[in-house]
All heavy atoms as atom14 arrays in JSON, in Angstrom:
{
  "sequence": "PKSVFHPFTVLPLFGQILLAITLFQKEPGKKLTFFGIG",
  "atom14_mask": [
    [1, 1, 1, 1, 1, 1, 1, 0, 0, 0, 0, 0, 0, 0],
    [1, 1, 1, 1, 1, 1, 1, 1, 1, 0, 0, 0, 0, 0],
    [1, 1, 1, 1, 1, 1, 0, 0, 0, 0, 0, 0, 0, 0],
    [1, 1, 1, 1, 1, 1, 1, 0, 0, 0, 0, 0, 0, 0],
    [1, 1, 1, 1, 1, 1, 1, 1, 1, 1, 1, 0, 0, 0],
    [1, 1, 1, 1, 1, 1, 1, 1, 1, 1, 0, 0, 0, 0],
    [1, 1, 1, 1, 1, 1, 1, 0, 0, 0, 0, 0, 0, 0],
    [1, 1, 1, 1, 1, 1, 1, 1, 1, 1, 1, 0, 0, 0],
    [1, 1, 1, 1, 1, 1, 1, 0, 0, 0, 0, 0, 0, 0],
    [1, 1, 1, 1, 1, 1, 1, 0, 0, 0, 0, 0, 0, 0],
    [1, 1, 1, 1, 1, 1, 1, 1, 0, 0, 0, 0, 0, 0],
    [1, 1, 1, 1, 1, 1, 1, 0, 0, 0, 0, 0, 0, 0],
    [1, 1, 1, 1, 1, 1, 1, 1, 0, 0, 0, 0, 0, 0],
    [1, 1, 1, 1, 1, 1, 1, 1, 1, 1, 1, 0, 0, 0],
    [1, 1, 1, 1, 0, 0, 0, 0, 0, 0, 0, 0, 0, 0],
    [1, 1, 1, 1, 1, 1, 1, 1, 1, 0, 0, 0, 0, 0],
    [1, 1, 1, 1, 1, 1, 1, 1, 0, 0, 0, 0, 0, 0],
    [1, 1, 1, 1, 1, 1, 1, 1, 0, 0, 0, 0, 0, 0],
    [1, 1, 1, 1, 1, 1, 1, 1, 0, 0, 0, 0, 0, 0],
    [1, 1, 1, 1, 1, 0, 0, 0, 0, 0, 0, 0, 0, 0],
    [1, 1, 1, 1, 1, 1, 1, 1, 0, 0, 0, 0, 0, 0],
    [1, 1, 1, 1, 1, 1, 1, 0, 0, 0, 0, 0, 0, 0],
    [1, 1, 1, 1, 1, 1, 1, 1, 0, 0, 0, 0, 0, 0],
    [1, 1, 1, 1, 1, 1, 1, 1, 1, 1, 1, 0, 0, 0],
    [1, 1, 1, 1, 1, 1, 1, 1, 1, 0, 0, 0, 0, 0],
    [1, 1, 1, 1, 1, 1, 1, 1, 1, 0, 0, 0, 0, 0],
    [1, 1, 1, 1, 1, 1, 1, 1, 1, 0, 0, 0, 0, 0],
    [1, 1, 1, 1, 1, 1, 1, 0, 0, 0, 0, 0, 0, 0],
    [1, 1, 1, 1, 0, 0, 0, 0, 0, 0, 0, 0, 0, 0],
    [1, 1, 1, 1, 1, 1, 1, 1, 1, 0, 0, 0, 0, 0],
    [1, 1, 1, 1, 1, 1, 1, 1, 1, 0, 0, 0, 0, 0],
    [1, 1, 1, 1, 1, 1, 1, 1, 0, 0, 0, 0, 0, 0],
    [1, 1, 1, 1, 1, 1, 1, 0, 0, 0, 0, 0, 0, 0],
    [1, 1, 1, 1, 1, 1, 1, 1, 1, 1, 1, 0, 0, 0],
    [1, 1, 1, 1, 1, 1, 1, 1, 1, 1, 1, 0, 0, 0],
    [1, 1, 1, 1, 0, 0, 0, 0, 0, 0, 0, 0, 0, 0],
    [1, 1, 1, 1, 1, 1, 1, 1, 0, 0, 0, 0, 0, 0],
    [1, 1, 1, 1, 0, 0, 0, 0, 0, 0, 0, 0, 0, 0]
  ],
  "atom14_positions": [
    [[0.78, -1.23, 0.03], [-0.02, 0.06, 0.01], [0.84, 1.29, -0.04], [0.43, 2.22, -0.55], [-0.83, -0.06, 1.28], [-0.6, -1.43, 1.87], [0.47, -2.07, 1.16], [0.0, 0.0, 0.0], [0.0, 0.0, 0.0], [0.0, 0.0, 0.0], [0.0, 0.0, 0.0], [0.0, 0.0, 0.0], [0.0, 0.0, 0.0], [0.0, 0.0, 0.0]],
    [[2.02, 1.31, 0.61], [2.83, 2.4, 0.66], [3.3, 2.96, -0.73], [3.49, 4.13, -0.93], [4.03, 2.27, 1.53], [3.77, 2.28, 2.98], [4.98, 2.12, 3.81], [4.69, 1.98, 5.32], [5.93, 1.83, 6.08], [0.0, 0.0, 0.0], [0.0, 0.0, 0.0], [0.0, 0.0, 0.0], [0.0, 0.0, 0.0], [0.0, 0.0, 0.0]],
    [[3.4, 1.99, -1.66], [3.93, 2.37, -2.98], [2.86, 3.0, -3.78], [3.22, 3.7, -4.8], [4.42, 1.1, -3.64], [3.31, 0.27, -4.04], [0.0, 0.0, 0.0], [0.0, 0.0, 0.0], [0.0, 0.0, 0.0], [0.0, 0.0, 0.0], [0.0, 0.0, 0.0], [0.0, 0.0, 0.0], [0.0, 0.0, 0.0], [0.0, 0.0, 0.0]],
    [[1.59, 2.98, -3.43], [0.55, 3.6, -4.27], [-0.06, 4.9, -3.55], [-0.88, 5.53, -4.14], [-0.59, 2.61, -4.57], [-0.11, 1.52, -5.44], [-1.19, 2.14, -3.33], [0.0, 0.0, 0.0], [0.0, 0.0, 0.0], [0.0, 0.0, 0.0], [0.0, 0.0, 0.0], [0.0, 0.0, 0.0], [0.0, 0.0, 0.0], [0.0, 0.0, 0.0]],
    [[0.49, 5.23, -2.42], [0.0, 6.41, -1.69], [0.6, 7.69, -2.29], [1.76, 8.0, -1.98], [0.18, 6.4, -0.13], [-0.95, 5.86, 0.54], [-0.83, 5.08, 1.67], [-2.27, 6.07, 0.12], [-1.92, 4.66, 2.41], [-3.34, 5.62, 0.84], [-3.16, 4.93, 1.95], [0.0, 0.0, 0.0], [0.0, 0.0, 0.0], [0.0, 0.0, 0.0]],
    [[-0.03, 8.29, -3.2], [0.33, 9.51, -3.84], [-0.92, 10.24, -4.18], [-1.95, 9.6, -4.53], [1.23, 9.16, -5.07], [1.8, 10.44, -5.69], [1.06, 11.37, -6.49], [3.02, 11.02, -5.55], [1.82, 12.3, -6.85], [3.03, 12.16, -6.26], [0.0, 0.0, 0.0], [0.0, 0.0, 0.0], [0.0, 0.0, 0.0], [0.0, 0.0, 0.0]],
    [[-1.0, 11.54, -4.07], [-2.24, 12.28, -4.41], [-2.83, 11.99, -5.7], [-3.98, 11.92, -5.92], [-1.83, 13.72, -4.25], [-0.61, 13.77, -3.28], [0.09, 12.49, -3.57], [0.0, 0.0, 0.0], [0.0, 0.0, 0.0], [0.0, 0.0, 0.0], [0.0, 0.0, 0.0], [0.0, 0.0, 0.0], [0.0, 0.0, 0.0], [0.0, 0.0, 0.0]],
    [[-1.93, 11.77, -6.75], [-2.4, 11.56, -8.12], [-2.85, 10.16, -8.31], [-3.31, 9.8, -9.42], [-1.43, 11.93, -9.13], [-1.26, 13.5, -9.33], [-0.09, 14.13, -8.96], [-2.37, 14.21, -9.75], [-0.06, 15.58, -9.13], [-2.29, 15.63, -9.82], [-1.11, 16.21, -9.55], [0.0, 0.0, 0.0], [0.0, 0.0, 0.0], [0.0, 0.0, 0.0]],
    [[-2.71, 9.27, -7.31], [-3.29, 7.94, -7.44], [-4.48, 7.75, -6.47], [-5.52, 7.26, -6.87], [-2.32, 6.89, -7.09], [-1.74, 7.01, -5.81], [-1.15, 6.83, -8.14], [0.0, 0.0, 0.0], [0.0, 0.0, 0.0], [0.0, 0.0, 0.0], [0.0, 0.0, 0.0], [0.0, 0.0, 0.0], [0.0, 0.0, 0.0], [0.0, 0.0, 0.0]],
    [[-4.4, 8.39, -5.31], [-5.47, 8.22, -4.36], [-6.63, 9.03, -4.59], [-7.77, 8.64, -4.54], [-4.89, 8.54, -2.91], [-5.98, 8.56, -1.9], [-3.78, 7.58, -2.5], [0.0, 0.0, 0.0], [0.0, 0.0, 0.0], [0.0, 0.0, 0.0], [0.0, 0.0, 0.0], [0.0, 0.0, 0.0], [0.0, 0.0, 0.0], [0.0, 0.0, 0.0]],
    [[-6.45, 10.31, -5.0], [-7.66, 11.22, -5.28], [-8.5, 10.77, -6.45], [-9.69, 10.71, -6.33], [-7.14, 12.66, -5.48], [-6.65, 13.36, -4.28], [-6.09, 14.75, -4.63], [-7.75, 13.54, -3.23], [0.0, 0.0, 0.0], [0.0, 0.0, 0.0], [0.0, 0.0, 0.0], [0.0, 0.0, 0.0], [0.0, 0.0, 0.0], [0.0, 0.0, 0.0]],
    [[-7.9, 10.39, -7.63], [-8.81, 9.8, -8.66], [-9.5, 8.57, -8.29], [-10.7, 8.44, -8.59], [-7.83, 9.55, -9.86], [-6.64, 10.44, -9.58], [-6.56, 10.6, -8.12], [0.0, 0.0, 0.0], [0.0, 0.0, 0.0], [0.0, 0.0, 0.0], [0.0, 0.0, 0.0], [0.0, 0.0, 0.0], [0.0, 0.0, 0.0], [0.0, 0.0, 0.0]],
    [[-8.84, 7.69, -7.56], [-9.52, 6.52, -7.13], [-10.68, 6.8, -6.11], [-11.79, 6.25, -6.19], [-8.5, 5.52, -6.49], [-8.95, 4.23, -6.03], [-9.52, 3.37, -7.21], [-7.81, 3.38, -5.36], [0.0, 0.0, 0.0], [0.0, 0.0, 0.0], [0.0, 0.0, 0.0], [0.0, 0.0, 0.0], [0.0, 0.0, 0.0], [0.0, 0.0, 0.0]],
    [[-10.41, 7.73, -5.29], [-11.41, 8.17, -4.32], [-12.62, 8.79, -5.06], [-13.73, 8.55, -4.78], [-10.87, 9.11, -3.26], [-11.79, 9.63, -2.29], [-12.27, 8.72, -1.31], [-12.21, 10.89, -2.22], [-13.18, 9.13, -0.37], [-13.09, 11.42, -1.22], [-13.54, 10.45, -0.24], [0.0, 0.0, 0.0], [0.0, 0.0, 0.0], [0.0, 0.0, 0.0]],
    [[-12.27, 9.58, -6.05], [-13.3, 10.17, -6.91], [-14.15, 9.16, -7.62], [-15.36, 9.33, -7.73], [0.0, 0.0, 0.0], [0.0, 0.0, 0.0], [0.0, 0.0, 0.0], [0.0, 0.0, 0.0], [0.0, 0.0, 0.0], [0.0, 0.0, 0.0], [0.0, 0.0, 0.0], [0.0, 0.0, 0.0], [0.0, 0.0, 0.0], [0.0, 0.0, 0.0]],
    [[-13.56, 8.11, -8.06], [-14.33, 7.02, -8.79], [-15.18, 6.3, -7.77], [-16.35, 5.89, -8.07], [-13.37, 6.1, -9.46], [-12.72, 6.58, -10.7], [-11.86, 5.7, -11.35], [-11.15, 4.81, -10.68], [-11.67, 5.77, -12.66], [0.0, 0.0, 0.0], [0.0, 0.0, 0.0], [0.0, 0.0, 0.0], [0.0, 0.0, 0.0], [0.0, 0.0, 0.0]],
    [[-14.7, 6.1, -6.55], [-15.47, 5.44, -5.52], [-16.71, 6.3, -5.16], [-17.87, 5.8, -5.06], [-14.68, 5.11, -4.21], [-13.56, 4.13, -4.5], [-15.54, 4.75, -3.08], [-12.52, 3.93, -3.49], [0.0, 0.0, 0.0], [0.0, 0.0, 0.0], [0.0, 0.0, 0.0], [0.0, 0.0, 0.0], [0.0, 0.0, 0.0], [0.0, 0.0, 0.0]],
    [[-16.52, 7.59, -5.05], [-17.67, 8.5, -4.78], [-18.7, 8.41, -5.93], [-19.94, 8.41, -5.62], [-17.2, 9.95, -4.59], [-16.4, 10.21, -3.28], [-15.91, 11.66, -3.32], [-17.22, 9.89, -2.07], [0.0, 0.0, 0.0], [0.0, 0.0, 0.0], [0.0, 0.0, 0.0], [0.0, 0.0, 0.0], [0.0, 0.0, 0.0], [0.0, 0.0, 0.0]],
    [[-18.24, 8.42, -7.13], [-19.15, 8.36, -8.25], [-19.89, 6.97, -8.33], [-21.05, 6.94, -8.7], [-18.45, 8.64, -9.6], [-18.07, 10.06, -9.81], [-17.13, 10.18, -11.0], [-19.23, 11.0, -9.91], [0.0, 0.0, 0.0], [0.0, 0.0, 0.0], [0.0, 0.0, 0.0], [0.0, 0.0, 0.0], [0.0, 0.0, 0.0], [0.0, 0.0, 0.0]],
    [[-19.14, 5.98, -7.92], [-19.8, 4.58, -7.9], [-20.93, 4.61, -6.77], [-21.95, 3.99, -7.04], [-18.76, 3.56, -7.58], [0.0, 0.0, 0.0], [0.0, 0.0, 0.0], [0.0, 0.0, 0.0], [0.0, 0.0, 0.0], [0.0, 0.0, 0.0], [0.0, 0.0, 0.0], [0.0, 0.0, 0.0], [0.0, 0.0, 0.0], [0.0, 0.0, 0.0]],
    [[-20.69, 5.3, -5.71], [-21.73, 5.4, -4.64], [-23.02, 6.05, -5.25], [-24.1, 5.62, -4.93], [-21.16, 6.11, -3.36], [-20.09, 5.25, -2.72], [-22.29, 6.52, -2.48], [-19.31, 5.99, -1.65], [0.0, 0.0, 0.0], [0.0, 0.0, 0.0], [0.0, 0.0, 0.0], [0.0, 0.0, 0.0], [0.0, 0.0, 0.0], [0.0, 0.0, 0.0]],
    [[-22.73, 7.07, -6.04], [-23.92, 7.84, -6.66], [-24.86, 6.88, -7.5], [-26.03, 7.17, -7.6], [-23.56, 9.06, -7.33], [-22.87, 8.7, -8.51], [-22.79, 10.02, -6.53], [0.0, 0.0, 0.0], [0.0, 0.0, 0.0], [0.0, 0.0, 0.0], [0.0, 0.0, 0.0], [0.0, 0.0, 0.0], [0.0, 0.0, 0.0], [0.0, 0.0, 0.0]],
    [[-24.23, 5.87, -8.03], [-24.97, 4.94, -8.81], [-26.01, 4.12, -8.02], [-26.97, 3.67, -8.6], [-24.01, 3.96, -9.57], [-23.02, 4.57, -10.59], [-22.14, 3.45, -11.08], [-23.79, 5.17, -11.72], [0.0, 0.0, 0.0], [0.0, 0.0, 0.0], [0.0, 0.0, 0.0], [0.0, 0.0, 0.0], [0.0, 0.0, 0.0], [0.0, 0.0, 0.0]],
    [[-25.81, 4.07, -6.77], [-26.62, 3.29, -5.89], [-27.63, 4.11, -5.09], [-28.43, 3.6, -4.3], [-25.92, 2.37, -4.96], [-24.99, 1.36, -5.79], [-23.74, 1.5, -5.94], [-25.7, 0.21, -6.4], [-22.95, 0.6, -6.6], [-24.9, -0.67, -7.11], [-23.55, -0.49, -7.19], [0.0, 0.0, 0.0], [0.0, 0.0, 0.0], [0.0, 0.0, 0.0]],
    [[-27.49, 5.44, -5.27], [-28.42, 6.3, -4.53], [-29.74, 6.5, -5.43], [-29.7, 6.45, -6.57], [-27.79, 7.75, -4.33], [-26.64, 7.69, -3.39], [-26.05, 9.12, -3.27], [-25.93, 9.81, -4.31], [-25.75, 9.51, -2.09], [0.0, 0.0, 0.0], [0.0, 0.0, 0.0], [0.0, 0.0, 0.0], [0.0, 0.0, 0.0], [0.0, 0.0, 0.0]],
    [[-30.8, 6.67, -4.67], [-32.07, 6.97, -5.36], [-32.03, 8.25, -6.24], [-32.41, 8.24, -7.36], [-33.29, 6.97, -4.36], [-34.61, 7.08, -5.04], [-35.71, 7.14, -4.0], [-37.05, 7.19, -4.64], [-38.15, 7.11, -3.7], [0.0, 0.0, 0.0], [0.0, 0.0, 0.0], [0.0, 0.0, 0.0], [0.0, 0.0, 0.0], [0.0, 0.0, 0.0]],
    [[-31.49, 9.27, -5.63], [-31.25, 10.51, -6.28], [-29.74, 10.86, -6.09], [-29.38, 11.12, -4.98], [-32.08, 11.64, -5.73], [-31.87, 12.98, -6.26], [-32.32, 13.18, -7.68], [-33.31, 12.55, -8.09], [-31.77, 14.06, -8.4], [0.0, 0.0, 0.0], [0.0, 0.0, 0.0], [0.0, 0.0, 0.0], [0.0, 0.0, 0.0], [0.0, 0.0, 0.0]],
    [[-28.99, 10.71, -7.13], [-27.5, 10.93, -6.95], [-27.25, 12.32, -6.33], [-27.76, 13.32, -6.82], [-26.98, 10.83, -8.44], [-27.96, 9.93, -9.11], [-29.36, 10.24, -8.47], [0.0, 0.0, 0.0], [0.0, 0.0, 0.0], [0.0, 0.0, 0.0], [0.0, 0.0, 0.0], [0.0, 0.0, 0.0], [0.0, 0.0, 0.0], [0.0, 0.0, 0.0]],
    [[-26.49, 12.39, -5.33], [-26.18, 13.55, -4.58], [-25.26, 14.51, -5.38], [-24.3, 14.05, -6.03], [0.0, 0.0, 0.0], [0.0, 0.0, 0.0], [0.0, 0.0, 0.0], [0.0, 0.0, 0.0], [0.0, 0.0, 0.0], [0.0, 0.0, 0.0], [0.0, 0.0, 0.0], [0.0, 0.0, 0.0], [0.0, 0.0, 0.0], [0.0, 0.0, 0.0]],
    [[-25.59, 15.77, -5.3], [-24.72, 16.78, -5.94], [-23.4, 16.91, -5.43], [-22.42, 16.9, -6.11], [-25.52, 18.17, -5.78], [-24.74, 19.27, -6.52], [-25.26, 20.63, -6.19], [-26.75, 20.84, -6.28], [-27.14, 22.27, -6.18], [0.0, 0.0, 0.0], [0.0, 0.0, 0.0], [0.0, 0.0, 0.0], [0.0, 0.0, 0.0], [0.0, 0.0, 0.0]],
    [[-23.24, 16.88, -4.0], [-21.95, 16.97, -3.37], [-21.01, 15.74, -3.73], [-19.89, 16.0, -4.06], [-22.04, 17.08, -1.92], [-22.57, 18.47, -1.44], [-22.66, 18.53, 0.08], [-23.14, 19.86, 0.52], [-23.24, 19.94, 1.91], [0.0, 0.0, 0.0], [0.0, 0.0, 0.0], [0.0, 0.0, 0.0], [0.0, 0.0, 0.0], [0.0, 0.0, 0.0]],
    [[-21.62, 14.57, -3.64], [-20.79, 13.4, -3.99], [-20.33, 13.44, -5.37], [-19.17, 13.15, -5.76], [-21.61, 12.12, -3.71], [-21.71, 11.56, -2.32], [-22.5, 10.33, -2.27], [-20.25, 11.35, -1.79], [0.0, 0.0, 0.0], [0.0, 0.0, 0.0], [0.0, 0.0, 0.0], [0.0, 0.0, 0.0], [0.0, 0.0, 0.0], [0.0, 0.0, 0.0]],
    [[-21.25, 13.84, -6.37], [-20.88, 13.9, -7.74], [-19.82, 14.95, -8.01], [-18.8, 14.74, -8.65], [-22.12, 14.22, -8.55], [-23.15, 13.25, -8.35], [-21.78, 14.37, -10.05], [0.0, 0.0, 0.0], [0.0, 0.0, 0.0], [0.0, 0.0, 0.0], [0.0, 0.0, 0.0], [0.0, 0.0, 0.0], [0.0, 0.0, 0.0], [0.0, 0.0, 0.0]],
    [[-19.94, 16.15, -7.33], [-18.93, 17.19, -7.52], [-17.59, 16.78, -6.89], [-16.51, 17.03, -7.54], [-19.37, 18.5, -6.95], [-20.51, 19.22, -7.69], [-21.13, 20.32, -7.24], [-20.89, 18.7, -8.91], [-22.15, 20.93, -7.94], [-21.94, 19.32, -9.63], [-22.53, 20.43, -9.17], [0.0, 0.0, 0.0], [0.0, 0.0, 0.0], [0.0, 0.0, 0.0]],
    [[-17.59, 16.13, -5.74], [-16.31, 15.7, -5.18], [-15.72, 14.61, -6.01], [-14.44, 14.55, -6.14], [-16.47, 15.27, -3.69], [-16.64, 16.39, -2.74], [-17.7, 16.51, -1.87], [-15.58, 17.34, -2.61], [-17.77, 17.58, -1.03], [-15.65, 18.39, -1.74], [-16.82, 18.48, -0.93], [0.0, 0.0, 0.0], [0.0, 0.0, 0.0], [0.0, 0.0, 0.0]],
    [[-16.51, 13.7, -6.53], [-16.04, 12.7, -7.41], [-15.4, 13.26, -8.68], [-14.32, 12.84, -9.1], [0.0, 0.0, 0.0], [0.0, 0.0, 0.0], [0.0, 0.0, 0.0], [0.0, 0.0, 0.0], [0.0, 0.0, 0.0], [0.0, 0.0, 0.0], [0.0, 0.0, 0.0], [0.0, 0.0, 0.0], [0.0, 0.0, 0.0], [0.0, 0.0, 0.0]],
    [[-16.12, 14.25, -9.29], [-15.58, 14.84, -10.48], [-14.23, 15.67, -10.21], [-13.31, 15.55, -10.9], [-16.62, 15.88, -11.08], [-17.73, 15.07, -11.7], [-15.95, 16.77, -12.08], [-18.92, 15.92, -12.1], [0.0, 0.0, 0.0], [0.0, 0.0, 0.0], [0.0, 0.0, 0.0], [0.0, 0.0, 0.0], [0.0, 0.0, 0.0], [0.0, 0.0, 0.0]],
    [[-14.22, 16.26, -9.04], [-13.05, 16.95, -8.56], [-11.78, 16.03, -8.36], [-10.64, 16.29, -8.75], [0.0, 0.0, 0.0], [0.0, 0.0, 0.0], [0.0, 0.0, 0.0], [0.0, 0.0, 0.0], [0.0, 0.0, 0.0], [0.0, 0.0, 0.0], [0.0, 0.0, 0.0], [0.0, 0.0, 0.0], [0.0, 0.0, 0.0], [0.0, 0.0, 0.0]]
  ]
}
């Protein structure tokens, strides 16, 4: 795990996870979507 901890690897992966969460929401959240896009 230490070898992949870098902002340019962790942030996009986190963004994709947030967007994946919005797929399971009844009404996709604006904040989650914006943070995911960010």
